[in-house]
Amino acid sequence: MNRRRWNVPALAVGSIFAMAAGPAHAQRGPLVADRPDFTEAAATVGRGVFQLEFGYTYEYDRPEGGDDGKTWTHSIGEALLRVGVLSEAVELRLGLSPVSVGAGADGRSFTETGMEDVYLGIKLALAGQEGLRPALAILPQMTVPTGSEAFTSGRTLPGVNVIYGWDVTEDVTLAGSTQMNRAVTGSRGGEEEYAEWAQSAVAGFSVGARAGFYAEWFAFFHAEPDGTRAEHYANGGFTWSFSDDLQWDVRAGAGLNASATGFFAGTGLVVRFPRASS
């Protein structure tokens, strides 16, 4: 959905710690976030809960592979608001992302700053883990053309994300996601649409009551009009819970093939506002 899906909800970014065991929705207790990794959590935040996830990501790439051509991106904010509504298994999602993109070559550089298109989604928790059957959720999602001229697609782009995960032990979790989103060959509108597939696999490890880390692979497969192009990435990160309702994260990753962005790193916070006790 989003040009940098490891930043903003499509990008997509999710924590798998405390995700899969028991019901496929979150209760008061361990905070379950959709950052910092690419894979979303199969859990929802729970009815009446507001959760705000935000952060910063830096990307760097040399598209031509040499010393003259380079691009860099600062994504500041990456705000994702998650709200539990109707039942424990339904979550509404709103994402906003200011961004600044720069490029340089032959001793010259330029920077473009603005807003990307608004992201909207509804996460539906379908089932909890039972034996080998994973916790399962589905996430219909879309971006709507509200962004700055340099970053908008100029049209509504729908998609869907299927998320699944397993608690292997109390401290080890496995998860993955399979997405199909509509995309365009560039920004500013007017380009051809195509199907973009994304696949991920992640392992998460808890260390004591507050710390966790993960290792992940994810990839995009762009079914563009002139042929399919693949991007493969590896990344890892660390989370620290200051309390049940406040989590800090840091992450870094790199592209694994020539089509992928060279390097990215970021940090962020998750704040949960639980429903009042009855």
Protein backbone atom coordinates (compact mmCIF):
# COMPACT_ATOMS: atom_id res chain seq x y z
CA MET A 1 0.00 0.00 0.00
CA ASN A 2 2.66 2.49 0.98
CA ARG A 3 5.94 3.22 -0.71
CA ARG A 4 7.81 2.31 2.48
CA ARG A 5 5.78 -0.47 4.00
CA TRP A 6 8.16 -1.10 6.88
CA ASN A 7 7.34 2.41 8.16
CA VAL A 8 3.64 2.90 7.91
CA PRO A 9 0.82 0.38 8.01
CA ALA A 10 1.34 -1.13 4.95
CA LEU A 11 4.45 -0.37 4.95
CA ALA A 12 3.77 -2.36 7.16
CA VAL A 13 5.18 -2.78 10.64
CA GLY A 14 4.08 -5.18 13.61
CA SER A 15 5.25 -6.76 16.82
CA ILE A 16 4.68 -10.48 17.35
CA PHE A 17 5.49 -10.63 21.03
CA ALA A 18 2.61 -12.11 23.10
CA MET A 19 0.59 -12.36 19.90
CA ALA A 20 -0.56 -15.86 19.20
CA ALA A 21 -1.54 -17.66 22.37
CA GLY A 22 -5.09 -17.65 23.68
CA PRO A 23 -7.74 -15.50 22.01
CA ALA A 24 -6.82 -13.69 18.81
CA HIS A 25 -7.42 -10.30 20.43
CA ALA A 26 -5.54 -8.27 23.04
CA GLN A 27 -6.58 -7.97 26.67
CA ARG A 28 -5.17 -5.80 29.45
CA GLY A 29 -1.67 -7.16 29.95
CA PRO A 30 1.29 -7.39 27.53
CA LEU A 31 1.12 -4.65 24.93
CA VAL A 32 0.82 -6.01 21.36
CA ALA A 33 2.03 -3.52 18.75
CA ASP A 34 2.15 -3.46 14.93
CA ARG A 35 5.71 -2.11 14.97
CA PRO A 36 8.66 -2.29 14.63
CA ASP A 37 8.77 -5.28 12.26
CA PHE A 38 7.03 -5.56 8.89
CA THR A 39 4.66 -8.36 9.92
CA GLU A 40 1.45 -7.16 11.56
CA ALA A 41 0.23 -8.81 14.77
CA ALA A 42 -2.74 -11.17 14.49
CA ALA A 43 -4.16 -9.60 17.68
CA THR A 44 -6.42 -6.55 17.84
CA VAL A 45 -6.12 -3.94 20.59
CA GLY A 46 -9.45 -4.90 22.24
CA ARG A 47 -12.81 -3.14 22.42
CA GLY A 48 -12.66 0.39 23.79
CA VAL A 49 -8.85 0.59 23.61
CA PHE A 50 -6.97 3.35 21.76
CA GLN A 51 -3.37 2.66 20.77
CA LEU A 52 -1.02 5.16 19.11
CA GLU A 53 2.13 3.92 17.36
CA PHE A 54 4.65 6.36 15.90
CA GLY A 55 8.33 6.71 15.05
CA TYR A 56 11.08 7.73 12.65
CA THR A 57 12.84 5.84 9.84
CA TYR A 58 15.92 6.72 7.79
CA GLU A 59 16.60 5.02 4.45
CA TYR A 60 19.69 5.21 2.26
CA ASP A 61 20.30 3.80 -1.21
CA ARG A 62 22.63 4.08 -4.18
CA PRO A 63 20.33 3.18 -7.11
CA GLU A 64 23.13 3.08 -9.64
CA GLY A 65 25.49 1.20 -7.34
CA GLY A 66 28.20 3.86 -7.59
CA ASP A 67 29.44 6.84 -5.60
CA ASP A 68 27.62 9.55 -7.57
CA GLY A 69 23.95 8.58 -7.37
CA LYS A 70 22.27 8.26 -3.98
CA THR A 71 18.88 8.77 -2.35
CA TRP A 72 17.85 9.19 1.27
CA THR A 73 14.51 9.36 3.03
CA HIS A 74 13.41 10.64 6.43
CA SER A 75 9.96 9.44 7.53
CA ILE A 76 8.95 11.40 10.63
CA GLY A 77 5.87 10.52 12.62
CA GLU A 78 4.69 7.30 10.97
CA ALA A 79 1.56 7.65 13.08
CA LEU A 80 -0.81 4.68 13.26
CA LEU A 81 -3.94 5.01 15.40
CA ARG A 82 -5.63 1.70 16.30
CA VAL A 83 -9.08 1.73 17.93
CA GLY A 84 -11.00 -1.31 19.16
CA VAL A 85 -14.70 -1.10 18.30
CA LEU A 86 -17.88 -3.23 18.47
CA SER A 87 -16.18 -6.33 19.88
CA GLU A 88 -12.80 -7.59 21.06
CA ALA A 89 -12.05 -8.83 17.54
CA VAL A 90 -12.57 -5.63 15.49
CA GLU A 91 -10.08 -2.79 15.11
CA LEU A 92 -10.20 0.42 13.04
CA ARG A 93 -6.89 1.85 11.77
CA LEU A 94 -5.78 5.28 10.54
CA GLY A 95 -2.24 6.03 9.34
CA LEU A 96 -0.51 9.33 8.51
CA SER A 97 3.10 9.86 7.44
CA PRO A 98 5.05 13.07 6.78
CA VAL A 99 8.08 12.30 4.64
CA SER A 100 11.19 13.99 3.27
CA VAL A 101 13.02 12.45 0.29
CA GLY A 102 16.39 13.63 -0.98
CA ALA A 103 18.60 12.69 -3.92
CA GLY A 104 22.09 13.64 -4.92
CA ALA A 105 24.36 13.16 -7.93
CA ASP A 106 27.34 14.94 -9.46
CA GLY A 107 27.74 17.15 -6.40
CA ARG A 108 24.15 18.41 -6.55
CA SER A 109 21.18 17.46 -4.39
CA PHE A 110 17.49 18.25 -3.87
CA THR A 111 14.89 17.47 -1.21
CA GLU A 112 11.11 17.03 -1.48
CA THR A 113 8.96 17.18 1.67
CA GLY A 114 5.27 16.45 2.14
CA MET A 115 2.59 13.99 3.26
CA GLU A 116 1.90 10.53 1.92
CA ASP A 117 -1.64 9.29 1.24
CA VAL A 118 -3.79 8.49 4.27
CA TYR A 119 -3.98 4.80 5.18
CA LEU A 120 -7.26 3.20 6.36
CA GLY A 121 -7.83 -0.36 7.52
CA ILE A 122 -10.02 -2.74 9.52
CA LYS A 123 -8.33 -5.64 11.29
CA LEU A 124 -10.57 -8.64 12.04
CA ALA A 125 -9.24 -11.29 14.44
CA LEU A 126 -10.65 -14.59 13.16
CA ALA A 127 -9.25 -17.29 15.46
CA GLY A 128 -6.82 -17.99 18.25
CA GLN A 129 -4.06 -20.54 18.08
CA GLU A 130 -5.19 -24.15 18.60
CA GLY A 131 -2.48 -26.78 18.29
CA LEU A 132 -0.79 -26.39 14.92
CA ARG A 133 -3.52 -24.03 13.68
CA PRO A 134 -2.20 -20.46 13.95
CA ALA A 135 -3.82 -17.38 15.36
CA LEU A 136 -5.39 -15.79 12.28
CA ALA A 137 -6.50 -12.29 11.28
CA ILE A 138 -7.47 -10.54 8.04
CA LEU A 139 -6.85 -6.87 7.34
CA PRO A 140 -8.70 -5.15 4.45
CA GLN A 141 -6.85 -1.88 3.84
CA MET A 142 -6.43 0.99 1.42
CA THR A 143 -4.75 4.33 0.84
CA VAL A 144 -6.81 7.34 -0.25
CA PRO A 145 -5.38 10.19 -2.38
CA THR A 146 -4.87 12.89 0.26
CA GLY A 147 -1.08 13.26 0.08
CA SER A 148 1.15 16.01 -1.24
CA GLU A 149 1.60 16.27 -4.99
CA ALA A 150 5.00 14.57 -4.94
CA PHE A 151 3.83 11.59 -2.90
CA THR A 152 0.19 10.89 -3.72
CA SER A 153 -0.86 8.07 -6.01
CA GLY A 154 -3.79 10.18 -7.21
CA ARG A 155 -6.28 7.35 -6.66
CA THR A 156 -7.65 4.96 -4.05
CA LEU A 157 -5.56 1.79 -3.82
CA PRO A 158 -7.19 -1.16 -2.00
CA GLY A 159 -5.55 -4.27 -0.63
CA VAL A 160 -5.81 -7.11 1.87
CA ASN A 161 -3.39 -8.62 4.38
CA VAL A 162 -3.71 -12.13 5.87
CA ILE A 163 -1.78 -12.53 9.15
CA TYR A 164 -0.95 -15.73 11.05
CA GLY A 165 1.21 -16.62 14.05
CA TRP A 166 2.17 -19.32 16.55
CA ASP A 167 3.44 -19.25 20.13
CA VAL A 168 6.12 -21.97 20.05
CA THR A 169 7.03 -21.52 23.72
CA GLU A 170 6.39 -18.80 26.31
CA ASP A 171 9.39 -16.90 24.92
CA VAL A 172 9.46 -17.80 21.20
CA THR A 173 6.90 -16.77 18.59
CA LEU A 174 6.71 -17.35 14.82
CA ALA A 175 4.52 -15.33 12.44
CA GLY A 176 3.99 -14.38 8.84
CA SER A 177 1.79 -12.37 6.53
CA THR A 178 0.63 -12.53 2.92
CA GLN A 179 -0.56 -9.32 1.24
CA MET A 180 -1.95 -8.26 -2.12
CA ASN A 181 -2.29 -4.52 -2.72
CA ARG A 182 -2.96 -2.36 -5.73
CA ALA A 183 -0.06 -0.06 -6.60
CA VAL A 184 0.96 2.38 -9.33
CA THR A 185 4.18 2.68 -11.26
CA GLY A 186 4.89 6.14 -9.79
CA SER A 187 3.37 9.00 -7.82
CA ARG A 188 1.37 12.11 -8.88
CA GLY A 189 -1.35 9.96 -10.52
CA GLY A 190 -1.76 8.99 -14.17
CA GLU A 191 0.41 5.86 -14.08
CA GLU A 192 -0.66 2.28 -14.69
CA GLU A 193 -1.97 0.19 -11.80
CA TYR A 194 -0.64 -3.27 -11.00
CA ALA A 195 -0.84 -5.93 -8.27
CA GLU A 196 1.86 -5.88 -5.62
CA TRP A 197 2.28 -9.00 -3.49
CA ALA A 198 4.16 -9.06 -0.19
CA GLN A 199 5.28 -11.99 1.96
CA SER A 200 6.99 -12.06 5.35
CA ALA A 201 8.28 -14.47 8.00
CA VAL A 202 9.49 -13.43 11.47
CA ALA A 203 10.72 -15.01 14.70
CA GLY A 204 10.33 -13.11 17.98
CA PHE A 205 12.05 -13.80 21.31
CA SER A 206 11.13 -12.48 24.75
CA VAL A 207 13.93 -11.77 27.23
CA GLY A 208 12.53 -11.43 30.73
CA ALA A 209 9.38 -9.45 31.41
CA ARG A 210 10.23 -6.28 29.45
CA ALA A 211 12.64 -6.95 26.58
CA GLY A 212 12.25 -8.65 23.21
CA PHE A 213 13.98 -8.92 19.87
CA TYR A 214 13.16 -10.29 16.42
CA ALA A 215 14.67 -11.38 13.11
CA GLU A 216 12.65 -11.13 9.90
CA TRP A 217 12.61 -11.62 6.14
CA PHE A 218 10.10 -9.90 3.89
CA ALA A 219 9.71 -9.32 0.17
CA PHE A 220 7.64 -7.42 -2.39
CA PHE A 221 6.72 -8.83 -5.79
CA HIS A 222 5.68 -6.08 -8.21
CA ALA A 223 3.59 -7.46 -11.09
CA GLU A 224 4.25 -4.37 -13.21
CA PRO A 225 3.08 -4.01 -16.83
CA ASP A 226 6.61 -4.63 -18.16
CA GLY A 227 7.28 -7.67 -15.94
CA THR A 228 7.57 -8.81 -12.33
CA ARG A 229 10.20 -7.23 -10.10
CA ALA A 230 11.12 -8.56 -6.64
CA GLU A 231 12.59 -6.82 -3.58
CA HIS A 232 13.95 -8.90 -0.69
CA TYR A 233 14.85 -7.57 2.78
CA ALA A 234 16.23 -8.78 6.10
CA ASN A 235 15.82 -6.83 9.32
CA GLY A 236 15.94 -7.15 13.07
CA GLY A 237 15.07 -5.09 16.11
CA PHE A 238 14.66 -4.72 19.85
CA THR A 239 11.74 -3.64 22.06
CA TRP A 240 11.63 -2.48 25.67
CA SER A 241 8.41 -2.13 27.68
CA PHE A 242 8.55 0.69 30.22
CA SER A 243 5.10 -0.37 31.46
CA ASP A 244 2.06 -2.34 30.31
CA ASP A 245 1.06 0.65 28.16
CA LEU A 246 4.37 2.13 26.88
CA GLN A 247 6.89 0.43 24.57
CA TRP A 248 10.05 1.71 22.82
CA ASP A 249 11.58 0.03 19.75
CA VAL A 250 14.61 0.24 17.51
CA ARG A 251 15.27 -1.63 14.27
CA ALA A 252 17.61 -1.85 11.26
CA GLY A 253 17.62 -3.75 7.99
CA ALA A 254 19.06 -4.03 4.52
CA GLY A 255 18.06 -5.01 1.02
CA LEU A 256 19.14 -8.44 -0.20
CA ASN A 257 19.05 -7.83 -3.96
CA ALA A 258 19.69 -5.03 -6.43
CA SER A 259 16.03 -3.92 -6.63
CA ALA A 260 15.73 -3.40 -2.86
CA THR A 261 16.55 -0.27 -0.84
CA GLY A 262 20.12 -0.52 0.47
CA PHE A 263 19.69 0.24 4.18
CA PHE A 264 17.07 1.45 6.66
CA ALA A 265 16.94 2.05 10.41
CA GLY A 266 14.46 3.58 12.80
CA THR A 267 13.02 3.94 16.25
CA GLY A 268 9.56 4.50 17.70
CA LEU A 269 7.11 4.41 20.59
CA VAL A 270 3.78 2.71 21.26
CA VAL A 271 1.30 4.18 23.77
CA ARG A 272 -1.85 2.32 24.80
CA PHE A 273 -4.88 4.02 26.33
CA PRO A 274 -6.90 1.14 27.84
CA ARG A 275 -10.62 1.28 28.47
CA ALA A 276 -11.70 2.29 31.93
CA SER A 277 -12.49 -0.54 34.32
CA SER A 278 -16.20 -1.10 34.82
